[in-house]
Amino acid sequence: MPESLTRAVRWDTVVGALLIVVLLFSFGFVDGFGNALNLSFLIGNTLPIALIALPMTLLVVSGEIDLSVASTAGLSGAVMGALWNQGMAIETIIPLCLVLGAVCGLVNGLLVTRLGLPSLAVTIGTLAAYRGIAQIVLGSDAVTDFPSQYLDFAAGRVGDSFLPQAFLPFLVLLVLAVVALHATPFGRSLFAIGAGEEAARFAGIRVKRNKLILFTATGFMSALTGVFWALHYASARYDNATGLELSVVASVLLGGIDFDGGKGTLGGAIAGVFLLGTLQNVMSLLNVSAQSQIVVTGVLLVVSVLGPRAARQIAVARAGRRAAAARTPTATP
């Protein structure tokens, strides 16, 4: 297969093309999909996944994972609601919540990098711990009376368009993440760490420091997502964002990020995010039950792990056959 064609059929390219196909089908055949209100609803509901997917992509590229992101978001929202009930200004609450998220991520990072514990086990534990703390902080209360200007920003649209106002700051964060991963020495070091941690360490890369930065950034973005979630849905509860980690991981892996690390693009991850968000929106318009949507998400998660691996095995097998054919001497008449 020619090299140009090989690049064209990369997994992230396939996901991007599939997203376009799903959008075209939805605009053409799903009633109500193309109106401005639904498109705004789709993007607004997908933004929490997309926000966490930015640092999660970098984390998975480095060979780690954080399953506590939804619980960190829930804890951030719970603290936000509790402090608001106590009369603290929202301008003070939001920075405190972001610092709290960074601390949660730092705890995860220290357990992984300093104690050598596997990130999967650590973040399953903190998933439960952070959600439990959120319930202790706020109980079963729901706080809804946040300032209207913040609610309007989180749920409002840009003029008469379908774009949510919150989508514009997300684009800025997306550009920063793309530059960080694909155009800086730090980003290149993450690919090296994911491809081989020992080799990266011998090459002079500060593996533990870089991973600690990533876990902290993931906690920070999770807390930001928790604040956005509470304002977008006008409700701060301890169980906000429950199950969001499944959608984030499924989207990132669906976009072609290798679960073992070292491979993938942020563009593919974001394509995976909006592909999953579009499918969920279409299923809602078609009155597919929430339980069935969870099943679809789980199936996509399995496909996202198996698909790239199968594609690589096929490519390796094809390369092996070409090499064997090149070594075989041609018969002379």
C-alpha atoms as a PDB file:
ATOM      1  CA  MET A   1       0.000   0.000   0.000  1.00  0.00           C
ATOM      2  CA  PRO A   2       1.477   3.413  -0.914  1.00  0.00           C
ATOM      3  CA  GLU A   3       2.589   5.572   2.036  1.00  0.00           C
ATOM      4  CA  SER A   4       0.173   8.382   1.127  1.00  0.00           C
ATOM      5  CA  LEU A   5      -2.727   5.924   1.161  1.00  0.00           C
ATOM      6  CA  THR A   6      -1.553   4.491   4.475  1.00  0.00           C
ATOM      7  CA  ARG A   7      -1.704   7.957   6.023  1.00  0.00           C
ATOM      8  CA  ALA A   8      -5.139   8.506   4.528  1.00  0.00           C
ATOM      9  CA  VAL A   9      -6.599   5.450   6.245  1.00  0.00           C
ATOM     10  CA  ARG A  10      -5.213   6.134   9.700  1.00  0.00           C
ATOM     11  CA  TRP A  11      -7.742   5.413  12.429  1.00  0.00           C
ATOM     12  CA  ASP A  12      -8.188   9.070  13.419  1.00  0.00           C
ATOM     13  CA  THR A  13      -8.844   9.947   9.779  1.00  0.00           C
ATOM     14  CA  VAL A  14     -11.456   7.202   9.607  1.00  0.00           C
ATOM     15  CA  VAL A  15     -13.149   8.574  12.727  1.00  0.00           C
ATOM     16  CA  GLY A  16     -13.186  12.089  11.266  1.00  0.00           C
ATOM     17  CA  ALA A  17     -14.727  10.782   8.044  1.00  0.00           C
ATOM     18  CA  LEU A  18     -17.280   8.774  10.025  1.00  0.00           C
ATOM     19  CA  LEU A  19     -18.239  11.911  11.967  1.00  0.00           C
ATOM     20  CA  ILE A  20     -18.915  13.722   8.688  1.00  0.00           C
ATOM     21  CA  VAL A  21     -21.025  10.808   7.413  1.00  0.00           C
ATOM     22  CA  VAL A  22     -23.055  10.682  10.638  1.00  0.00           C
ATOM     23  CA  LEU A  23     -23.636  14.446  10.501  1.00  0.00           C
ATOM     24  CA  LEU A  24     -24.759  14.333   6.876  1.00  0.00           C
ATOM     25  CA  PHE A  25     -27.104  11.429   7.617  1.00  0.00           C
ATOM     26  CA  SER A  26     -28.506  13.195  10.681  1.00  0.00           C
ATOM     27  CA  PHE A  27     -29.126  16.476   8.846  1.00  0.00           C
ATOM     28  CA  GLY A  28     -30.850  14.599   6.050  1.00  0.00           C
ATOM     29  CA  PHE A  29     -32.917  11.962   7.813  1.00  0.00           C
ATOM     30  CA  VAL A  30     -33.363  12.782  11.532  1.00  0.00           C
ATOM     31  CA  ASP A  31     -36.230  15.170  12.244  1.00  0.00           C
ATOM     32  CA  GLY A  32     -35.237  18.171  14.329  1.00  0.00           C
ATOM     33  CA  PHE A  33     -31.510  17.496  14.226  1.00  0.00           C
ATOM     34  CA  GLY A  34     -30.600  20.525  12.125  1.00  0.00           C
ATOM     35  CA  ASN A  35     -32.463  23.244  14.020  1.00  0.00           C
ATOM     36  CA  ALA A  36     -30.379  25.761  15.943  1.00  0.00           C
ATOM     37  CA  LEU A  37     -31.791  24.818  19.339  1.00  0.00           C
ATOM     38  CA  ASN A  38     -30.884  21.136  18.955  1.00  0.00           C
ATOM     39  CA  LEU A  39     -27.407  21.867  17.583  1.00  0.00           C
ATOM     40  CA  SER A  40     -26.767  24.181  20.529  1.00  0.00           C
ATOM     41  CA  PHE A  41     -28.064  21.458  22.848  1.00  0.00           C
ATOM     42  CA  LEU A  42     -25.755  18.890  21.199  1.00  0.00           C
ATOM     43  CA  ILE A  43     -22.623  21.030  21.517  1.00  0.00           C
ATOM     44  CA  GLY A  44     -23.472  22.158  25.048  1.00  0.00           C
ATOM     45  CA  ASN A  45     -23.965  18.582  26.218  1.00  0.00           C
ATOM     46  CA  THR A  46     -20.743  17.474  24.514  1.00  0.00           C
ATOM     47  CA  LEU A  47     -18.579  20.256  25.940  1.00  0.00           C
ATOM     48  CA  PRO A  48     -18.100  18.600  29.381  1.00  0.00           C
ATOM     49  CA  ILE A  49     -16.716  15.505  27.634  1.00  0.00           C
ATOM     50  CA  ALA A  50     -14.582  17.619  25.299  1.00  0.00           C
ATOM     51  CA  LEU A  51     -13.098  19.704  28.119  1.00  0.00           C
ATOM     52  CA  ILE A  52     -11.867  16.670  30.046  1.00  0.00           C
ATOM     53  CA  ALA A  53     -10.810  14.915  26.833  1.00  0.00           C
ATOM     54  CA  LEU A  54      -8.116  17.557  26.251  1.00  0.00           C
ATOM     55  CA  PRO A  55      -5.878  16.631  29.217  1.00  0.00           C
ATOM     56  CA  MET A  56      -7.059  13.002  29.166  1.00  0.00           C
ATOM     57  CA  THR A  57      -5.658  12.642  25.645  1.00  0.00           C
ATOM     58  CA  LEU A  58      -2.238  13.819  26.791  1.00  0.00           C
ATOM     59  CA  LEU A  59      -2.436  11.537  29.809  1.00  0.00           C
ATOM     60  CA  VAL A  60      -3.318   8.431  27.785  1.00  0.00           C
ATOM     61  CA  VAL A  61      -0.594   9.265  25.232  1.00  0.00           C
ATOM     62  CA  SER A  62       1.873   9.095  28.128  1.00  0.00           C
ATOM     63  CA  GLY A  63       0.567   5.644  29.079  1.00  0.00           C
ATOM     64  CA  GLU A  64      -1.615   6.602  32.061  1.00  0.00           C
ATOM     65  CA  ILE A  65      -5.343   7.118  32.693  1.00  0.00           C
ATOM     66  CA  ASP A  66      -7.557   8.961  35.179  1.00  0.00           C
ATOM     67  CA  LEU A  67     -10.963   7.460  35.951  1.00  0.00           C
ATOM     68  CA  SER A  68     -11.690   9.923  38.774  1.00  0.00           C
ATOM     69  CA  VAL A  69     -12.409  12.848  36.425  1.00  0.00           C
ATOM     70  CA  ALA A  70     -16.209  12.698  36.795  1.00  0.00           C
ATOM     71  CA  SER A  71     -15.977  12.456  40.573  1.00  0.00           C
ATOM     72  CA  THR A  72     -13.603  15.429  40.631  1.00  0.00           C
ATOM     73  CA  ALA A  73     -16.134  17.358  38.546  1.00  0.00           C
ATOM     74  CA  GLY A  74     -18.891  16.339  40.949  1.00  0.00           C
ATOM     75  CA  LEU A  75     -16.796  17.377  43.953  1.00  0.00           C
ATOM     76  CA  SER A  76     -16.087  20.747  42.344  1.00  0.00           C
ATOM     77  CA  GLY A  77     -19.796  21.323  41.750  1.00  0.00           C
ATOM     78  CA  ALA A  78     -20.677  20.244  45.297  1.00  0.00           C
ATOM     79  CA  VAL A  79     -18.126  22.605  46.850  1.00  0.00           C
ATOM     80  CA  MET A  80     -19.356  25.366  44.564  1.00  0.00           C
ATOM     81  CA  GLY A  81     -22.919  24.859  45.758  1.00  0.00           C
ATOM     82  CA  ALA A  82     -21.964  24.606  49.430  1.00  0.00           C
ATOM     83  CA  LEU A  83     -19.861  27.788  49.371  1.00  0.00           C
ATOM     84  CA  TRP A  84     -22.583  29.653  47.482  1.00  0.00           C
ATOM     85  CA  ASN A  85     -25.087  28.637  50.157  1.00  0.00           C
ATOM     86  CA  GLN A  86     -22.725  30.137  52.744  1.00  0.00           C
ATOM     87  CA  GLY A  87     -22.805  33.500  50.979  1.00  0.00           C
ATOM     88  CA  MET A  88     -19.379  33.498  49.346  1.00  0.00           C
ATOM     89  CA  ALA A  89     -19.013  35.456  46.098  1.00  0.00           C
ATOM     90  CA  ILE A  90     -19.055  33.363  42.935  1.00  0.00           C
ATOM     91  CA  GLU A  91     -15.890  35.145  41.740  1.00  0.00           C
ATOM     92  CA  THR A  92     -14.092  33.691  44.762  1.00  0.00           C
ATOM     93  CA  ILE A  93     -15.765  30.273  44.621  1.00  0.00           C
ATOM     94  CA  ILE A  94     -14.759  29.383  41.063  1.00  0.00           C
ATOM     95  CA  PRO A  95     -10.972  29.848  41.568  1.00  0.00           C
ATOM     96  CA  LEU A  96     -11.186  27.846  44.806  1.00  0.00           C
ATOM     97  CA  CYS A  97     -12.935  25.010  42.967  1.00  0.00           C
ATOM     98  CA  LEU A  98     -10.249  25.016  40.274  1.00  0.00           C
ATOM     99  CA  VAL A  99      -7.507  24.849  42.906  1.00  0.00           C
ATOM    100  CA  LEU A 100      -9.359  21.983  44.570  1.00  0.00           C
ATOM    101  CA  GLY A 101      -9.464  20.107  41.256  1.00  0.00           C
ATOM    102  CA  ALA A 102      -5.745  20.636  40.757  1.00  0.00           C
ATOM    103  CA  VAL A 103      -5.113  19.257  44.260  1.00  0.00           C
ATOM    104  CA  CYS A 104      -7.235  16.175  43.494  1.00  0.00           C
ATOM    105  CA  GLY A 105      -5.221  15.596  40.327  1.00  0.00           C
ATOM    106  CA  LEU A 106      -1.977  16.190  42.227  1.00  0.00           C
ATOM    107  CA  VAL A 107      -2.957  13.509  44.765  1.00  0.00           C
ATOM    108  CA  ASN A 108      -3.543  11.049  41.915  1.00  0.00           C
ATOM    109  CA  GLY A 109      -0.241  11.988  40.345  1.00  0.00           C
ATOM    110  CA  LEU A 110       1.748  11.619  43.559  1.00  0.00           C
ATOM    111  CA  LEU A 111       0.280   8.184  44.225  1.00  0.00           C
ATOM    112  CA  VAL A 112       1.214   7.083  40.709  1.00  0.00           C
ATOM    113  CA  THR A 113       4.615   8.731  40.271  1.00  0.00           C
ATOM    114  CA  ARG A 114       6.011   8.642  43.811  1.00  0.00           C
ATOM    115  CA  LEU A 115       4.582   5.372  45.110  1.00  0.00           C
ATOM    116  CA  GLY A 116       4.651   3.574  41.768  1.00  0.00           C
ATOM    117  CA  LEU A 117       0.999   2.542  41.924  1.00  0.00           C
ATOM    118  CA  PRO A 118      -0.906   1.800  38.691  1.00  0.00           C
ATOM    119  CA  SER A 119      -3.042   4.749  37.622  1.00  0.00           C
ATOM    120  CA  LEU A 120      -6.021   2.531  36.808  1.00  0.00           C
ATOM    121  CA  ALA A 121      -6.215   1.214  40.389  1.00  0.00           C
ATOM    122  CA  VAL A 122      -5.422   4.579  41.992  1.00  0.00           C
ATOM    123  CA  THR A 123      -8.082   6.509  40.113  1.00  0.00           C
ATOM    124  CA  ILE A 124     -10.740   3.833  40.650  1.00  0.00           C
ATOM    125  CA  GLY A 125     -10.112   4.381  44.357  1.00  0.00           C
ATOM    126  CA  THR A 126     -10.192   8.174  44.163  1.00  0.00           C
ATOM    127  CA  LEU A 127     -13.271   7.943  41.930  1.00  0.00           C
ATOM    128  CA  ALA A 128     -15.146   6.566  44.933  1.00  0.00           C
ATOM    129  CA  ALA A 129     -13.374   8.781  47.471  1.00  0.00           C
ATOM    130  CA  TYR A 130     -13.980  12.104  45.701  1.00  0.00           C
ATOM    131  CA  ARG A 131     -17.635  11.252  45.052  1.00  0.00           C
ATOM    132  CA  GLY A 132     -18.073  10.341  48.717  1.00  0.00           C
ATOM    133  CA  ILE A 133     -16.516  13.636  49.828  1.00  0.00           C
ATOM    134  CA  ALA A 134     -18.867  15.483  47.460  1.00  0.00           C
ATOM    135  CA  GLN A 135     -21.845  13.821  49.122  1.00  0.00           C
ATOM    136  CA  ILE A 136     -20.538  14.744  52.566  1.00  0.00           C
ATOM    137  CA  VAL A 137     -20.017  18.370  51.494  1.00  0.00           C
ATOM    138  CA  LEU A 138     -23.445  18.990  49.945  1.00  0.00           C
ATOM    139  CA  GLY A 139     -25.603  16.055  50.956  1.00  0.00           C
ATOM    140  CA  SER A 140     -28.661  15.499  48.803  1.00  0.00           C
ATOM    141  CA  ASP A 141     -29.298  19.224  48.287  1.00  0.00           C
ATOM    142  CA  ALA A 142     -29.437  20.857  44.865  1.00  0.00           C
ATOM    143  CA  VAL A 143     -28.255  24.464  44.579  1.00  0.00           C
ATOM    144  CA  THR A 144     -29.842  26.327  41.673  1.00  0.00           C
ATOM    145  CA  ASP A 145     -29.845  30.059  42.422  1.00  0.00           C
ATOM    146  CA  PHE A 146     -26.504  31.039  40.875  1.00  0.00           C
ATOM    147  CA  PRO A 147     -26.058  34.534  39.359  1.00  0.00           C
ATOM    148  CA  SER A 148     -27.993  34.898  36.101  1.00  0.00           C
ATOM    149  CA  GLN A 149     -25.044  36.261  34.117  1.00  0.00           C
ATOM    150  CA  TYR A 150     -23.058  33.091  34.784  1.00  0.00           C
ATOM    151  CA  LEU A 151     -26.019  30.853  33.971  1.00  0.00           C
ATOM    152  CA  ASP A 152     -26.598  32.792  30.750  1.00  0.00           C
ATOM    153  CA  PHE A 153     -22.974  32.413  29.705  1.00  0.00           C
ATOM    154  CA  ALA A 154     -22.913  28.665  30.393  1.00  0.00           C
ATOM    155  CA  ALA A 155     -26.213  27.952  28.622  1.00  0.00           C
ATOM    156  CA  GLY A 156     -26.543  30.885  26.201  1.00  0.00           C
ATOM    157  CA  ARG A 157     -25.761  31.106  22.503  1.00  0.00           C
ATOM    158  CA  VAL A 158     -23.656  33.516  20.452  1.00  0.00           C
ATOM    159  CA  GLY A 159     -26.239  35.898  19.005  1.00  0.00           C
ATOM    160  CA  ASP A 160     -28.777  34.077  16.850  1.00  0.00           C
ATOM    161  CA  SER A 161     -26.361  31.273  15.956  1.00  0.00           C
ATOM    162  CA  PHE A 162     -26.394  27.706  17.258  1.00  0.00           C
ATOM    163  CA  LEU A 163     -22.951  28.049  18.885  1.00  0.00           C
ATOM    164  CA  PRO A 164     -22.943  28.119  22.696  1.00  0.00           C
ATOM    165  CA  GLN A 165     -21.019  31.010  24.211  1.00  0.00           C
ATOM    166  CA  ALA A 166     -18.908  28.532  26.166  1.00  0.00           C
ATOM    167  CA  PHE A 167     -17.715  26.957  22.894  1.00  0.00           C
ATOM    168  CA  LEU A 168     -15.437  29.921  22.162  1.00  0.00           C
ATOM    169  CA  PRO A 169     -13.262  29.493  25.311  1.00  0.00           C
ATOM    170  CA  PHE A 170     -13.153  25.776  24.548  1.00  0.00           C
ATOM    171  CA  LEU A 171     -11.664  26.523  21.117  1.00  0.00           C
ATOM    172  CA  VAL A 172      -8.891  28.513  22.808  1.00  0.00           C
ATOM    173  CA  LEU A 173      -8.161  25.605  25.150  1.00  0.00           C
ATOM    174  CA  LEU A 174      -8.212  23.205  22.192  1.00  0.00           C
ATOM    175  CA  VAL A 175      -5.617  25.244  20.295  1.00  0.00           C
ATOM    176  CA  LEU A 176      -3.387  25.381  23.381  1.00  0.00           C
ATOM    177  CA  ALA A 177      -3.667  21.611  23.864  1.00  0.00           C
ATOM    178  CA  VAL A 178      -2.912  20.884  20.191  1.00  0.00           C
ATOM    179  CA  VAL A 179       0.171  23.093  20.294  1.00  0.00           C
ATOM    180  CA  ALA A 180       1.313  21.546  23.583  1.00  0.00           C
ATOM    181  CA  LEU A 181       0.975  17.961  22.318  1.00  0.00           C
ATOM    182  CA  HIS A 182       2.057  18.256  18.708  1.00  0.00           C
ATOM    183  CA  ALA A 183       4.378  21.273  18.508  1.00  0.00           C
ATOM    184  CA  THR A 184       6.454  21.384  21.701  1.00  0.00           C
ATOM    185  CA  PRO A 185       9.261  19.330  23.257  1.00  0.00           C
ATOM    186  CA  PHE A 186       6.900  18.566  26.155  1.00  0.00           C
ATOM    187  CA  GLY A 187       4.404  16.958  23.775  1.00  0.00           C
ATOM    188  CA  ARG A 188       7.117  14.943  22.047  1.00  0.00           C
ATOM    189  CA  SER A 189       8.308  13.746  25.437  1.00  0.00           C
ATOM    190  CA  LEU A 190       4.799  12.401  26.177  1.00  0.00           C
ATOM    191  CA  PHE A 191       4.848  10.275  23.035  1.00  0.00           C
ATOM    192  CA  ALA A 192       8.308   9.021  24.017  1.00  0.00           C
ATOM    193  CA  ILE A 193       7.123   8.155  27.531  1.00  0.00           C
ATOM    194  CA  GLY A 194       4.111   6.293  26.186  1.00  0.00           C
ATOM    195  CA  ALA A 195       6.209   4.382  23.674  1.00  0.00           C
ATOM    196  CA  GLY A 196       8.751   3.290  26.286  1.00  0.00           C
ATOM    197  CA  GLU A 197       9.089   4.771  29.752  1.00  0.00           C
ATOM    198  CA  GLU A 198      12.515   3.322  30.501  1.00  0.00           C
ATOM    199  CA  ALA A 199      13.903   4.445  27.171  1.00  0.00           C
ATOM    200  CA  ALA A 200      12.471   7.923  27.744  1.00  0.00           C
ATOM    201  CA  ARG A 201      14.077   8.087  31.169  1.00  0.00           C
ATOM    202  CA  PHE A 202      17.468   7.073  29.766  1.00  0.00           C
ATOM    203  CA  ALA A 203      17.017   9.775  27.096  1.00  0.00           C
ATOM    204  CA  GLY A 204      16.889  12.386  29.843  1.00  0.00           C
ATOM    205  CA  ILE A 205      13.132  12.954  29.931  1.00  0.00           C
ATOM    206  CA  ARG A 206      11.770  13.740  33.391  1.00  0.00           C
ATOM    207  CA  VAL A 207       9.066  11.113  33.310  1.00  0.00           C
ATOM    208  CA  LYS A 208       7.674  11.529  36.817  1.00  0.00           C
ATOM    209  CA  ARG A 209       7.530  15.303  36.614  1.00  0.00           C
ATOM    210  CA  ASN A 210       5.739  15.269  33.274  1.00  0.00           C
ATOM    211  CA  LYS A 211       3.183  12.736  34.470  1.00  0.00           C
ATOM    212  CA  LEU A 212       2.596  14.733  37.647  1.00  0.00           C
ATOM    213  CA  ILE A 213       1.909  17.823  35.524  1.00  0.00           C
ATOM    214  CA  LEU A 214      -0.587  15.866  33.436  1.00  0.00           C
ATOM    215  CA  PHE A 215      -2.506  14.476  36.421  1.00  0.00           C
ATOM    216  CA  THR A 216      -2.681  17.953  37.958  1.00  0.00           C
ATOM    217  CA  ALA A 217      -3.893  19.474  34.688  1.00  0.00           C
ATOM    218  CA  THR A 218      -6.509  16.733  34.351  1.00  0.00           C
ATOM    219  CA  GLY A 219      -7.809  17.474  37.849  1.00  0.00           C
ATOM    220  CA  PHE A 220      -7.894  21.195  37.075  1.00  0.00           C
ATOM    221  CA  MET A 221      -9.874  20.670  33.872  1.00  0.00           C
ATOM    222  CA  SER A 222     -12.207  18.251  35.629  1.00  0.00           C
ATOM    223  CA  ALA A 223     -12.983  20.915  38.225  1.00  0.00           C
ATOM    224  CA  LEU A 224     -13.555  23.464  35.458  1.00  0.00           C
ATOM    225  CA  THR A 225     -15.950  20.976  33.885  1.00  0.00           C
ATOM    226  CA  GLY A 226     -17.743  20.616  37.222  1.00  0.00           C
ATOM    227  CA  VAL A 227     -18.231  24.385  37.422  1.00  0.00           C
ATOM    228  CA  PHE A 228     -19.470  24.502  33.837  1.00  0.00           C
ATOM    229  CA  TRP A 229     -21.806  21.551  34.435  1.00  0.00           C
ATOM    230  CA  ALA A 230     -23.416  23.217  37.484  1.00  0.00           C
ATOM    231  CA  LEU A 231     -23.928  26.479  35.609  1.00  0.00           C
ATOM    232  CA  HIS A 232     -24.980  24.930  32.290  1.00  0.00           C
ATOM    233  CA  TYR A 233     -27.666  22.786  33.913  1.00  0.00           C
ATOM    234  CA  ALA A 234     -28.331  25.370  36.670  1.00  0.00           C
ATOM    235  CA  SER A 235     -27.918  22.744  39.387  1.00  0.00           C
ATOM    236  CA  ALA A 236     -25.044  21.883  41.709  1.00  0.00           C
ATOM    237  CA  ARG A 237     -25.429  18.376  43.155  1.00  0.00           C
ATOM    238  CA  TYR A 238     -22.965  15.861  44.537  1.00  0.00           C
ATOM    239  CA  ASP A 239     -23.866  13.392  41.756  1.00  0.00           C
ATOM    240  CA  ASN A 240     -23.243  15.794  38.879  1.00  0.00           C
ATOM    241  CA  ALA A 241     -21.354  14.226  35.962  1.00  0.00           C
ATOM    242  CA  THR A 242     -21.847  10.671  37.241  1.00  0.00           C
ATOM    243  CA  GLY A 243     -20.661   8.248  34.553  1.00  0.00           C
ATOM    244  CA  LEU A 244     -18.952  10.973  32.522  1.00  0.00           C
ATOM    245  CA  GLU A 245     -15.607   9.162  32.766  1.00  0.00           C
ATOM    246  CA  LEU A 246     -16.967   6.366  30.540  1.00  0.00           C
ATOM    247  CA  SER A 247     -17.875   8.831  27.795  1.00  0.00           C
ATOM    248  CA  VAL A 248     -14.511  10.606  28.062  1.00  0.00           C
ATOM    249  CA  VAL A 249     -12.451   7.413  27.859  1.00  0.00           C
ATOM    250  CA  ALA A 250     -14.625   5.980  25.083  1.00  0.00           C
ATOM    251  CA  SER A 251     -14.295   9.183  23.047  1.00  0.00           C
ATOM    252  CA  VAL A 252     -10.532   9.448  23.466  1.00  0.00           C
ATOM    253  CA  LEU A 253      -9.919   5.817  22.553  1.00  0.00           C
ATOM    254  CA  LEU A 254     -12.453   5.987  19.720  1.00  0.00           C
ATOM    255  CA  GLY A 255     -10.412   8.863  18.312  1.00  0.00           C
ATOM    256  CA  GLY A 256      -7.392   6.602  17.906  1.00  0.00           C
ATOM    257  CA  ILE A 257      -5.421   7.259  21.094  1.00  0.00           C
ATOM    258  CA  ASP A 258      -3.635   4.014  21.936  1.00  0.00           C
ATOM    259  CA  PHE A 259      -4.573   2.758  25.415  1.00  0.00           C
ATOM    260  CA  ASP A 260      -0.957   1.612  25.886  1.00  0.00           C
ATOM    261  CA  GLY A 261       0.303   5.112  25.064  1.00  0.00           C
ATOM    262  CA  GLY A 262       2.651   6.580  22.509  1.00  0.00           C
ATOM    263  CA  LYS A 263       0.213   6.955  19.593  1.00  0.00           C
ATOM    264  CA  GLY A 264      -2.659   9.198  18.534  1.00  0.00           C
ATOM    265  CA  THR A 265      -3.622  12.768  17.726  1.00  0.00           C
ATOM    266  CA  LEU A 266      -5.687  15.315  19.599  1.00  0.00           C
ATOM    267  CA  GLY A 267      -7.677  15.966  16.434  1.00  0.00           C
ATOM    268  CA  GLY A 268      -8.723  12.323  16.367  1.00  0.00           C
ATOM    269  CA  ALA A 269      -9.708  12.449  20.045  1.00  0.00           C
ATOM    270  CA  ILE A 270     -11.917  15.508  19.530  1.00  0.00           C
ATOM    271  CA  ALA A 271     -13.471  13.877  16.458  1.00  0.00           C
ATOM    272  CA  GLY A 272     -14.248  10.894  18.685  1.00  0.00           C
ATOM    273  CA  VAL A 273     -15.811  13.201  21.286  1.00  0.00           C
ATOM    274  CA  PHE A 274     -18.177  14.829  18.811  1.00  0.00           C
ATOM    275  CA  LEU A 275     -18.929  11.538  17.069  1.00  0.00           C
ATOM    276  CA  LEU A 276     -20.083  10.069  20.377  1.00  0.00           C
ATOM    277  CA  GLY A 277     -21.963  13.267  21.245  1.00  0.00           C
ATOM    278  CA  THR A 278     -23.724  13.279  17.877  1.00  0.00           C
ATOM    279  CA  LEU A 279     -24.715   9.628  18.187  1.00  0.00           C
ATOM    280  CA  GLN A 280     -26.122  10.239  21.669  1.00  0.00           C
ATOM    281  CA  ASN A 281     -28.064  13.257  20.412  1.00  0.00           C
ATOM    282  CA  VAL A 282     -29.485  11.327  17.463  1.00  0.00           C
ATOM    283  CA  MET A 283     -30.498   8.440  19.708  1.00  0.00           C
ATOM    284  CA  SER A 284     -32.283  10.880  22.016  1.00  0.00           C
ATOM    285  CA  LEU A 285     -34.169  12.380  19.062  1.00  0.00           C
ATOM    286  CA  LEU A 286     -35.138   8.850  17.996  1.00  0.00           C
ATOM    287  CA  ASN A 287     -36.390   8.135  21.549  1.00  0.00           C
ATOM    288  CA  VAL A 288     -33.751   5.495  22.255  1.00  0.00           C
ATOM    289  CA  SER A 289     -33.681   4.751  25.978  1.00  0.00           C
ATOM    290  CA  ALA A 290     -30.846   5.983  28.194  1.00  0.00           C
ATOM    291  CA  GLN A 291     -29.930   2.368  29.009  1.00  0.00           C
ATOM    292  CA  SER A 292     -29.550   1.569  25.318  1.00  0.00           C
ATOM    293  CA  GLN A 293     -27.368   4.642  24.858  1.00  0.00           C
ATOM    294  CA  ILE A 294     -25.068   3.344  27.608  1.00  0.00           C
ATOM    295  CA  VAL A 295     -24.867   0.015  25.759  1.00  0.00           C
ATOM    296  CA  VAL A 296     -23.884   1.816  22.550  1.00  0.00           C
ATOM    297  CA  THR A 297     -21.205   3.765  24.436  1.00  0.00           C
ATOM    298  CA  GLY A 298     -19.805   0.522  25.856  1.00  0.00           C
ATOM    299  CA  VAL A 299     -19.747  -1.126  22.426  1.00  0.00           C
ATOM    300  CA  LEU A 300     -17.943   1.890  20.969  1.00  0.00           C
ATOM    301  CA  LEU A 301     -15.397   1.655  23.783  1.00  0.00           C
ATOM    302  CA  VAL A 302     -14.655  -1.972  22.862  1.00  0.00           C
ATOM    303  CA  VAL A 303     -14.496  -1.123  19.152  1.00  0.00           C
ATOM    304  CA  SER A 304     -12.182   1.814  19.852  1.00  0.00           C
ATOM    305  CA  VAL A 305      -9.708  -0.513  21.568  1.00  0.00           C
ATOM    306  CA  LEU A 306      -9.943  -3.375  19.067  1.00  0.00           C
ATOM    307  CA  GLY A 307     -10.129  -1.319  15.866  1.00  0.00           C
ATOM    308  CA  PRO A 308      -6.705   0.396  15.915  1.00  0.00           C
ATOM    309  CA  ARG A 309      -5.018  -2.782  17.172  1.00  0.00           C
ATOM    310  CA  ALA A 310      -6.545  -4.858  14.374  1.00  0.00           C
ATOM    311  CA  ALA A 311      -5.530  -2.207  11.845  1.00  0.00           C
ATOM    312  CA  ARG A 312      -1.928  -2.234  13.122  1.00  0.00           C
ATOM    313  CA  GLN A 313      -1.770  -6.034  13.037  1.00  0.00           C
ATOM    314  CA  ILE A 314      -2.990  -6.035   9.450  1.00  0.00           C
ATOM    315  CA  ALA A 315      -0.414  -3.378   8.535  1.00  0.00           C
ATOM    316  CA  VAL A 316       2.377  -5.351  10.249  1.00  0.00           C
ATOM    317  CA  ALA A 317       1.327  -8.554   8.489  1.00  0.00           C
ATOM    318  CA  ARG A 318       1.225  -6.782   5.129  1.00  0.00           C
ATOM    319  CA  ALA A 319       4.662  -5.262   5.739  1.00  0.00           C
ATOM    320  CA  GLY A 320       5.979  -8.711   6.676  1.00  0.00           C
ATOM    321  CA  ARG A 321       4.676 -10.207   3.427  1.00  0.00           C
ATOM    322  CA  ARG A 322       6.239  -7.398   1.401  1.00  0.00           C
ATOM    323  CA  ALA A 323       9.575  -7.903   3.171  1.00  0.00           C
ATOM    324  CA  ALA A 324       9.417 -11.641   2.573  1.00  0.00           C
ATOM    325  CA  ALA A 325       8.609 -11.106  -1.098  1.00  0.00           C
ATOM    326  CA  ALA A 326      11.544  -8.701  -1.422  1.00  0.00           C
ATOM    327  CA  ARG A 327      13.924 -11.300   0.065  1.00  0.00           C
ATOM    328  CA  THR A 328      12.698 -14.093  -2.238  1.00  0.00           C
ATOM    329  CA  PRO A 329      15.053 -14.382  -5.238  1.00  0.00           C
ATOM    330  CA  THR A 330      13.360 -14.177  -8.599  1.00  0.00           C
ATOM    331  CA  ALA A 331      13.724 -17.193 -10.859  1.00  0.00           C
ATOM    332  CA  THR A 332      15.811 -16.677 -14.006  1.00  0.00           C
ATOM    333  CA  PRO A 333      14.782 -18.382 -17.258  1.00  0.00           C
END
